[in-house]
Protein backbone atom coordinates (compact mmCIF):
# COMPACT_ATOMS: atom_id res chain seq x y z
CA UNK A 1 -4.53 -15.18 10.38
CA UNK A 2 -3.70 -11.57 9.45
CA UNK A 3 -4.26 -10.54 5.81
CA UNK A 4 -4.28 -7.25 4.06
CA UNK A 5 -6.77 -5.59 1.69
CA UNK A 6 -5.40 -2.90 -0.56
CA UNK A 7 -7.43 -0.51 -2.80
CA UNK A 8 -7.41 2.86 -4.49
CA UNK A 9 -8.61 5.48 -2.07
CA UNK A 10 -11.66 6.26 -4.22
CA UNK A 11 -12.83 2.62 -3.72
CA UNK A 12 -11.91 2.54 -0.06
CA UNK A 13 -13.92 5.14 1.87
CA UNK A 14 -14.42 2.71 4.81
CA UNK A 15 -13.91 -0.91 5.94
CA UNK A 16 -17.39 -1.92 5.03
CA UNK A 17 -16.88 -0.93 1.41
CA UNK A 18 -13.44 -2.57 1.30
CA UNK A 19 -14.94 -5.83 2.53
CA UNK A 20 -18.08 -5.74 0.45
CA UNK A 21 -16.68 -7.60 -2.63
CA UNK A 22 -18.62 -5.34 -4.93
CA UNK A 23 -15.69 -4.31 -7.16
CA UNK A 24 -14.87 -7.98 -7.80
CA UNK A 25 -18.60 -8.65 -8.41
CA UNK A 26 -18.81 -5.88 -10.99
CA UNK A 27 -15.58 -6.60 -12.88
CA UNK A 28 -14.60 -10.16 -11.98
CA UNK A 29 -11.10 -11.20 -11.00
CA UNK A 30 -8.61 -14.02 -11.24
CA UNK A 31 -10.70 -16.21 -8.94
CA UNK A 32 -14.24 -14.98 -9.62
CA UNK A 33 -16.41 -14.26 -12.57
CA UNK A 34 -18.33 -11.00 -12.88
CA UNK A 35 -21.53 -11.35 -10.74
CA UNK A 36 -19.70 -13.22 -7.97
CA UNK A 37 -18.55 -11.24 -4.94
CA UNK A 38 -15.04 -11.81 -3.62
CA UNK A 39 -12.66 -9.90 -1.33
CA UNK A 40 -9.08 -10.31 -2.43
CA UNK A 41 -6.45 -10.05 0.32
CA UNK A 42 -2.74 -10.87 0.68
CA UNK A 43 -0.72 -12.52 3.47
CA UNK A 44 1.51 -9.39 3.73
CA UNK A 45 1.08 -5.73 3.14
CA UNK A 46 4.02 -5.70 0.74
CA UNK A 47 2.45 -8.54 -1.36
CA UNK A 48 -0.90 -6.65 -1.31
CA UNK A 49 0.91 -3.59 -2.77
CA UNK A 50 2.81 -5.66 -5.35
CA UNK A 51 -0.45 -7.40 -6.49
CA UNK A 52 -1.78 -3.85 -7.28
CA UNK A 53 1.44 -2.54 -8.74
CA UNK A 54 1.91 -5.36 -11.19
CA UNK A 55 -1.29 -4.22 -12.93
CA UNK A 56 -0.72 -0.45 -12.68
CA UNK A 57 -0.22 1.50 -15.86
CA UNK A 58 3.09 3.38 -16.36
CA UNK A 59 2.19 6.78 -15.05
CA UNK A 60 4.21 9.64 -13.54
CA UNK A 61 2.04 9.67 -10.36
CA UNK A 62 0.05 6.74 -8.93
CA UNK A 63 -3.32 7.32 -7.43
CA UNK A 64 -3.73 7.39 -3.65
CA UNK A 65 -4.10 3.99 -1.99
CA UNK A 66 -5.48 2.72 1.33
CA UNK A 67 -5.14 -0.63 3.11
CA UNK A 68 -7.08 -2.51 5.75
CA UNK A 69 -5.62 -5.08 8.13
CA UNK A 70 -8.05 -7.93 8.47
CA UNK A 71 -8.07 -10.85 10.98
CA UNK A 72 -9.70 -14.12 9.98
CA UNK A 73 -9.52 -17.56 11.70
CA UNK A 74 -6.98 -19.74 9.90
CA UNK A 75 -9.19 -22.77 10.51
CA UNK A 76 -11.88 -21.18 8.28
CA UNK A 77 -9.55 -20.76 5.21
CA UNK A 78 -9.21 -23.57 2.71
CA UNK A 79 -5.59 -23.89 1.58
CA UNK A 80 -5.45 -24.74 -2.06
CA UNK A 81 -2.35 -26.50 -3.50
CA UNK A 82 -0.75 -25.09 -6.59
CA UNK A 83 -1.67 -28.03 -8.74
CA UNK A 84 -5.33 -27.46 -8.03
CA UNK A 85 -5.27 -24.05 -9.68
CA UNK A 86 -6.16 -24.51 -13.32
CA UNK A 87 -5.59 -22.14 -16.17
CA UNK A 88 -9.11 -20.72 -15.71
CA UNK A 89 -8.87 -19.96 -12.05
CA UNK A 90 -12.18 -18.22 -11.95
CA UNK A 91 -13.88 -21.65 -12.09
CA UNK A 92 -12.06 -22.68 -8.93
CA UNK A 93 -13.28 -19.51 -7.18
CA UNK A 94 -16.75 -19.52 -8.51
CA UNK A 95 -17.21 -23.12 -7.13
CA UNK A 96 -16.13 -21.90 -3.56
CA UNK A 97 -17.79 -18.51 -3.36
CA UNK A 98 -21.39 -17.52 -2.73
CA UNK A 99 -23.82 -18.28 0.14
CA UNK A 100 -23.20 -22.02 -0.10
CA UNK A 101 -19.44 -21.69 -0.43
CA UNK A 102 -16.46 -21.68 1.89
CA UNK A 103 -15.62 -18.69 4.10
CA UNK A 104 -12.31 -18.19 2.18
CA UNK A 105 -9.51 -19.87 0.42
CA UNK A 106 -5.78 -19.31 0.12
CA UNK A 107 -3.70 -19.69 -3.07
CA UNK A 108 -0.10 -19.02 -4.06
CA UNK A 109 0.47 -15.56 -5.47
CA UNK A 110 1.26 -15.33 -9.09
CA UNK A 111 3.53 -12.35 -8.36
CA UNK A 112 5.52 -14.05 -5.54
CA UNK A 113 4.69 -17.77 -5.55
CA UNK A 114 6.26 -18.27 -2.07
CA UNK A 115 3.55 -15.97 -0.56
CA UNK A 116 -0.23 -16.49 -0.34
CA UNK A 117 -3.21 -14.54 -1.45
CA UNK A 118 -6.50 -15.11 0.47
CA UNK A 119 -9.92 -14.70 -1.27
CA UNK A 120 -12.71 -14.10 1.21
CA UNK A 121 -16.34 -14.84 0.58
CA UNK A 122 -18.50 -11.90 1.70
CA UNK A 123 -21.70 -13.90 0.97
CA UNK A 124 -20.77 -16.57 3.50
CA UNK A 125 -23.28 -16.66 6.33
CA UNK A 126 -20.53 -16.35 9.03
CA UNK A 127 -18.60 -13.59 7.22
CA UNK A 128 -19.54 -10.80 9.55
CA UNK A 129 -18.90 -12.83 12.71
CA UNK A 130 -15.58 -14.23 11.56
CA UNK A 131 -13.90 -11.06 10.17
CA UNK A 132 -12.38 -8.44 12.37
CA UNK A 133 -10.32 -5.46 11.07
CA UNK A 134 -8.48 -2.33 11.95
CA UNK A 135 -9.02 1.06 10.55
CA UNK A 136 -8.65 2.01 6.86
CA UNK A 137 -5.22 3.64 6.58
CA UNK A 138 -3.44 5.53 3.81
CA UNK A 139 -0.60 3.88 1.89
CA UNK A 140 1.87 5.67 -0.22
CA UNK A 141 3.93 3.74 -2.73
CA UNK A 142 7.58 4.94 -3.13
CA UNK A 143 7.85 6.81 -6.46
CA UNK A 144 11.02 4.95 -7.27
CA UNK A 145 8.71 1.98 -8.08
CA UNK A 146 7.53 4.01 -11.08
CA UNK A 147 11.03 4.03 -12.61
CA UNK A 148 10.75 0.62 -14.23
């Protein structure tokens, strides 16, 4: 399975940093509480960009972004049905993350429900052996997206 990791350039100096889960550990996210590492990815590069853009403030110029194409075995990803995602989705993630958790899980995107987001568990003992990736690459969002 190919997934994409997207981040501001200042948080994406290299693949190791992008796959560390440290930002999610520090701040928490939809599927993890602060203190729990997670690597948020999307099933397509465009969805990864939209997941960032939906939270972006209205500014004249967006910061520089980078992306990473990641390969993970589909068999290692738990596919979670929509009805299993409760209002407090961090509970769902916290139960699945950490050294004793699953390698990763996939959930419907809130931005485009027909597409999937994948949350990887960097604390899983097989993480390093199951994840392969390309190079960190620059990504420029079209400025017309700012005219909303």
